[in-house]
Amino acid sequence: MRIAVAQIISSADTAANLELVWDYAAQAKNAGAQLVVFPEATMRAFGHPLKDIAEPLDGPWAGEVRRIAKELEITIVAGMFTPGRDGRVRNTLLVTGPGVDTSYDKVHLFDAFGFTESRTVEAGKAPVTFELDGTVFGLATCYDVRFPALFTANANAGAQVNIVCASWGAGEGKAEQWDLLVRARALDSTTFVVACGQGDPETTGAGPAGTAPTGIGHSAVVTPLGKTVVALGGKPELAVVDIDPSAVEDVRAKLPVLANARRF
């Protein structure tokens, strides 16, 4: 299966961000990809109000992503914001394409490193997987990558690939933590991990947006044995890679951590 990772830098402008989705999805399609993954907060970058642009999954922004996916005949994963309770929003991944239409609300909220996502975001309730051409994918968002149980839950639900969409905050040691965590989650779950982060604004001369977690780049694709086969830098970029989901069965025969796991 050929997949693409679209490491973009989104802005406050939701319409301009849709243009990025079209541009990178078209590039991915032209490269032969069946699936293109965009980062968390593709709809609008953190550091800007979210409540005023949050909309239901049947709203116009999601509708336009669906139109792009249908026109290009490619499956798109992209981060958006949907209305939550008590004036908050949900940090949502939209998945849409031929025969696929689902969504995942971020379960683990980023109340760490001086940022309190739970003040403005309502947590999701459950893992989500979807199937594309016989391959099962699990979904995760940013801070979720620090919680192995979500990845193993997706794997136990049949996932051969885990997708992580992020807007990873900069800071001392954060890039190293991201790289380590992405590889560790692949080993925990014996799945491929497709990790797509927002690019680093400093690579375009924009500079960081206050205390909001914008992005550092470092998108990657990792095998079930923790080998990095694609690793990007900080700049906006599209990476296209072929993966063989059938390899997961062989890995799990050699390294049956899911089967050997004990519940305490």
Protein backbone atom coordinates (compact mmCIF):
# COMPACT_ATOMS: atom_id res chain seq x y z
CA MET A 1 0.00 0.00 0.00
CA ARG A 2 1.31 3.42 -0.95
CA ILE A 3 0.68 6.13 1.63
CA ALA A 4 1.60 9.81 1.83
CA VAL A 5 2.44 12.00 4.80
CA ALA A 6 1.57 15.67 4.31
CA GLN A 7 3.69 17.70 6.73
CA ILE A 8 2.04 21.09 6.34
CA ILE A 9 1.97 24.26 8.44
CA SER A 10 -1.65 25.32 8.86
CA SER A 11 -2.70 28.86 9.72
CA ALA A 12 -5.71 30.66 11.19
CA ASP A 13 -7.32 30.77 7.73
CA THR A 14 -9.55 27.70 7.34
CA ALA A 15 -10.08 28.33 3.62
CA ALA A 16 -6.34 28.60 2.98
CA ASN A 17 -5.85 25.39 4.93
CA LEU A 18 -8.34 23.64 2.62
CA GLU A 19 -6.20 24.79 -0.30
CA LEU A 20 -3.25 23.05 1.36
CA VAL A 21 -5.34 19.90 1.68
CA TRP A 22 -6.18 20.03 -2.03
CA ASP A 23 -2.59 20.74 -3.07
CA TYR A 24 -0.94 18.02 -1.00
CA ALA A 25 -3.70 15.46 -1.65
CA ALA A 26 -3.35 16.05 -5.40
CA GLN A 27 0.41 15.58 -5.15
CA ALA A 28 -0.15 12.37 -3.18
CA LYS A 29 -2.61 11.07 -5.77
CA ASN A 30 -0.23 11.88 -8.61
CA ALA A 31 2.43 9.89 -6.75
CA GLY A 32 0.10 6.88 -6.63
CA ALA A 33 -0.87 7.06 -2.95
CA GLN A 34 -4.12 5.52 -1.75
CA LEU A 35 -4.05 7.40 1.56
CA VAL A 36 -2.73 10.82 2.56
CA VAL A 37 -2.35 11.80 6.21
CA PHE A 38 -2.45 15.44 7.35
CA PRO A 39 -1.58 16.65 10.87
CA GLU A 40 -3.66 17.57 13.88
CA ALA A 41 -5.19 21.07 13.60
CA THR A 42 -5.19 21.08 9.80
CA MET A 43 -8.45 23.05 9.96
CA ARG A 44 -6.88 25.81 12.07
CA ALA A 45 -3.54 26.03 13.82
CA PHE A 46 -3.34 26.19 17.59
CA GLY A 47 -2.71 29.66 18.97
CA HIS A 48 -5.94 30.94 17.38
CA PRO A 49 -9.57 30.73 18.59
CA LEU A 50 -11.12 27.33 17.92
CA LYS A 51 -14.71 27.62 19.12
CA ASP A 52 -15.71 30.04 16.36
CA ILE A 53 -14.62 27.68 13.57
CA ALA A 54 -15.64 24.33 15.09
CA GLU A 55 -18.34 22.67 13.04
CA PRO A 56 -20.14 19.31 12.86
CA LEU A 57 -18.79 16.48 10.76
CA ASP A 58 -21.50 17.25 8.19
CA GLY A 59 -20.51 20.93 8.04
CA PRO A 60 -18.94 22.83 5.12
CA TRP A 61 -15.24 22.36 6.02
CA ALA A 62 -15.53 18.60 6.38
CA GLY A 63 -17.77 18.59 3.32
CA GLU A 64 -15.03 20.21 1.27
CA VAL A 65 -12.48 17.65 2.46
CA ARG A 66 -14.92 14.94 1.39
CA ARG A 67 -15.30 16.60 -2.02
CA ILE A 68 -11.51 16.66 -2.46
CA ALA A 69 -11.22 13.01 -1.45
CA LYS A 70 -14.01 12.01 -3.82
CA GLU A 71 -12.66 14.02 -6.76
CA LEU A 72 -9.14 12.68 -6.33
CA GLU A 73 -10.26 9.18 -5.35
CA ILE A 74 -7.95 9.15 -2.36
CA THR A 75 -8.55 8.65 1.36
CA ILE A 76 -7.72 11.67 3.52
CA VAL A 77 -7.03 11.86 7.25
CA ALA A 78 -7.06 15.45 8.55
CA GLY A 79 -7.34 17.16 11.91
CA MET A 80 -10.32 19.46 12.53
CA PHE A 81 -12.41 20.77 15.41
CA THR A 82 -16.01 19.80 16.10
CA PRO A 83 -18.41 21.25 18.70
CA GLY A 84 -18.21 19.80 22.21
CA ARG A 85 -20.13 20.36 25.42
CA ASP A 86 -19.89 23.30 27.82
CA GLY A 87 -18.54 25.65 25.19
CA ARG A 88 -15.57 23.43 24.38
CA VAL A 89 -14.60 21.77 21.10
CA ARG A 90 -13.46 18.27 20.23
CA ASN A 91 -10.07 17.67 18.68
CA THR A 92 -11.20 15.46 15.81
CA LEU A 93 -9.57 13.45 13.05
CA LEU A 94 -11.76 13.19 9.96
CA VAL A 95 -11.21 10.15 7.73
CA THR A 96 -12.89 10.23 4.34
CA GLY A 97 -12.41 8.61 0.97
CA PRO A 98 -13.69 5.83 -1.27
CA GLY A 99 -15.80 3.60 0.96
CA VAL A 100 -14.53 5.25 4.17
CA ASP A 101 -16.11 7.91 6.36
CA THR A 102 -15.36 8.00 10.07
CA SER A 103 -13.80 10.17 12.78
CA TYR A 104 -11.84 9.98 16.01
CA ASP A 105 -11.95 12.43 18.93
CA LYS A 106 -8.66 12.79 20.81
CA VAL A 107 -8.86 10.82 24.04
CA HIS A 108 -5.81 12.08 25.97
CA LEU A 109 -5.82 15.85 26.35
CA PHE A 110 -2.57 17.81 26.53
CA ASP A 111 -2.57 19.09 30.10
CA ALA A 112 1.22 19.19 30.28
CA PHE A 113 4.25 21.42 29.78
CA GLY A 114 2.23 24.44 30.90
CA PHE A 115 -0.58 23.94 28.36
CA THR A 116 -4.12 22.99 29.43
CA GLU A 117 -6.00 21.59 26.47
CA SER A 118 -8.88 20.39 28.66
CA ARG A 119 -9.98 23.97 29.32
CA THR A 120 -11.11 24.33 25.73
CA VAL A 121 -11.32 20.76 24.43
CA GLU A 122 -13.62 17.90 25.43
CA ALA A 123 -11.99 14.47 25.48
CA GLY A 124 -13.08 11.66 23.23
CA LYS A 125 -14.38 8.42 24.69
CA ALA A 126 -13.07 5.48 22.69
CA PRO A 127 -10.55 4.18 20.16
CA VAL A 128 -11.48 4.16 16.47
CA THR A 129 -10.26 1.96 13.63
CA PHE A 130 -11.15 1.91 9.95
CA GLU A 131 -10.49 -0.41 7.00
CA LEU A 132 -9.04 0.57 3.64
CA ASP A 133 -8.48 -2.06 0.94
CA GLY A 134 -8.30 -4.83 3.50
CA THR A 135 -5.87 -3.02 5.82
CA VAL A 136 -7.06 -1.89 9.25
CA PHE A 137 -5.84 1.45 10.61
CA GLY A 138 -6.01 2.81 14.16
CA LEU A 139 -6.14 6.52 14.96
CA ALA A 140 -4.37 8.66 17.55
CA THR A 141 -3.67 12.35 18.07
CA CYS A 142 -0.50 13.98 19.42
CA TYR A 143 -0.43 13.50 23.23
CA ASP A 144 -2.05 10.08 22.68
CA VAL A 145 1.39 8.88 21.57
CA ARG A 146 2.51 8.84 25.22
CA PHE A 147 -0.13 6.21 26.09
CA PRO A 148 0.71 2.70 24.82
CA ALA A 149 -2.69 1.24 25.73
CA LEU A 150 -4.45 3.12 22.93
CA PHE A 151 -2.08 1.68 20.34
CA THR A 152 -2.36 -1.85 21.64
CA ALA A 153 -6.17 -1.48 21.83
CA ASN A 154 -6.16 -0.52 18.16
CA ALA A 155 -3.91 -3.48 17.37
CA ASN A 156 -6.14 -5.85 19.31
CA ALA A 157 -9.06 -4.48 17.27
CA GLY A 158 -7.23 -5.57 14.12
CA ALA A 159 -5.07 -2.56 13.26
CA GLN A 160 -1.95 -3.26 11.23
CA VAL A 161 -1.17 0.46 10.99
CA ASN A 162 -1.51 3.17 13.63
CA ILE A 163 -1.82 6.78 12.43
CA VAL A 164 -0.71 9.60 14.73
CA CYS A 165 -1.54 13.16 13.74
CA ALA A 166 0.19 15.84 15.80
CA SER A 167 0.93 19.49 16.43
CA TRP A 168 3.90 18.67 18.64
CA GLY A 169 5.07 21.49 20.88
CA ALA A 170 8.68 22.64 20.74
CA GLY A 171 10.93 22.57 23.79
CA GLU A 172 14.01 21.00 25.29
CA GLY A 173 14.14 17.32 24.43
CA LYS A 174 10.73 17.32 22.74
CA ALA A 175 11.99 16.26 19.31
CA GLU A 176 13.90 13.36 20.85
CA GLN A 177 10.82 12.34 22.85
CA TRP A 178 8.65 12.38 19.73
CA ASP A 179 11.08 10.22 17.77
CA LEU A 180 11.40 7.75 20.66
CA LEU A 181 7.67 7.57 21.36
CA VAL A 182 6.70 6.97 17.74
CA ARG A 183 9.14 4.08 17.47
CA ALA A 184 8.14 2.68 20.87
CA ARG A 185 4.46 2.64 19.96
CA ALA A 186 5.28 0.64 16.83
CA LEU A 187 7.08 -1.95 18.98
CA ASP A 188 4.35 -1.98 21.66
CA SER A 189 1.63 -2.72 19.14
CA THR A 190 3.66 -4.44 16.38
CA THR A 191 2.05 -2.13 13.86
CA PHE A 192 3.37 0.28 11.30
CA VAL A 193 3.17 3.79 12.72
CA VAL A 194 2.47 6.68 10.36
CA ALA A 195 3.21 9.85 12.33
CA CYS A 196 2.33 13.17 10.71
CA GLY A 197 3.19 16.40 12.51
CA GLN A 198 2.72 20.05 11.73
CA GLY A 199 5.88 21.52 10.23
CA ASP A 200 8.08 23.91 12.19
CA PRO A 201 7.00 27.56 11.64
CA GLU A 202 10.55 28.72 12.26
CA THR A 203 11.65 26.99 9.04
CA THR A 204 9.51 29.50 7.10
CA GLY A 205 10.62 32.51 9.13
CA ALA A 206 7.28 32.77 10.93
CA GLY A 207 8.63 31.93 14.37
CA PRO A 208 6.74 30.12 17.15
CA ALA A 209 3.18 31.22 17.96
CA GLY A 210 3.42 32.04 21.67
CA THR A 211 2.89 29.13 24.03
CA ALA A 212 0.62 27.18 21.68
CA PRO A 213 1.94 23.80 20.46
CA THR A 214 2.45 24.60 16.79
CA GLY A 215 4.82 22.00 15.35
CA ILE A 216 8.37 20.78 14.98
CA GLY A 217 7.99 18.53 11.94
CA HIS A 218 9.78 15.18 12.30
CA SER A 219 6.98 13.25 10.62
CA ALA A 220 7.91 9.60 10.23
CA VAL A 221 6.87 6.17 9.10
CA VAL A 222 8.06 3.31 11.32
CA THR A 223 7.91 -0.46 10.82
CA PRO A 224 6.41 -2.89 13.38
CA LEU A 225 9.97 -3.60 14.55
CA GLY A 226 10.68 0.05 15.23
CA LYS A 227 12.76 0.83 12.13
CA THR A 228 12.26 4.32 10.73
CA VAL A 229 11.79 4.14 6.96
CA VAL A 230 10.83 7.79 6.48
CA ALA A 231 11.92 10.71 8.66
CA LEU A 232 11.31 14.34 7.71
CA GLY A 233 12.90 17.50 9.02
CA GLY A 234 11.08 20.67 9.99
CA LYS A 235 10.02 22.11 6.64
CA PRO A 236 6.66 21.53 4.96
CA GLU A 237 7.01 18.45 2.78
CA LEU A 238 5.16 15.51 1.27
CA ALA A 239 6.63 12.04 1.82
CA VAL A 240 5.37 9.01 -0.10
CA VAL A 241 6.21 5.51 1.04
CA ASP A 242 5.17 1.93 0.28
CA ILE A 243 4.33 -0.32 3.21
CA ASP A 244 3.40 -4.00 3.25
CA PRO A 245 0.69 -4.56 5.88
CA SER A 246 1.05 -8.33 5.44
CA ALA A 247 4.46 -8.03 7.13
CA VAL A 248 2.66 -7.43 10.42
CA GLU A 249 1.59 -11.08 10.60
CA ASP A 250 5.19 -12.24 10.23
CA VAL A 251 6.41 -9.81 12.89
CA ARG A 252 3.74 -10.93 15.33
CA ALA A 253 4.72 -14.56 14.78
CA LYS A 254 8.30 -13.69 15.77
CA LEU A 255 7.48 -11.11 18.43
CA PRO A 256 4.05 -11.98 19.89
CA VAL A 257 3.88 -9.19 22.47
CA LEU A 258 0.14 -8.77 22.00
CA ALA A 259 -0.50 -12.47 22.56
CA ASN A 260 1.96 -12.64 25.48
CA ALA A 261 0.66 -9.57 27.28
CA ARG A 262 -0.61 -10.07 30.84
CA ARG A 263 -3.47 -8.06 32.29
CA PHE A 264 -2.96 -6.83 35.86
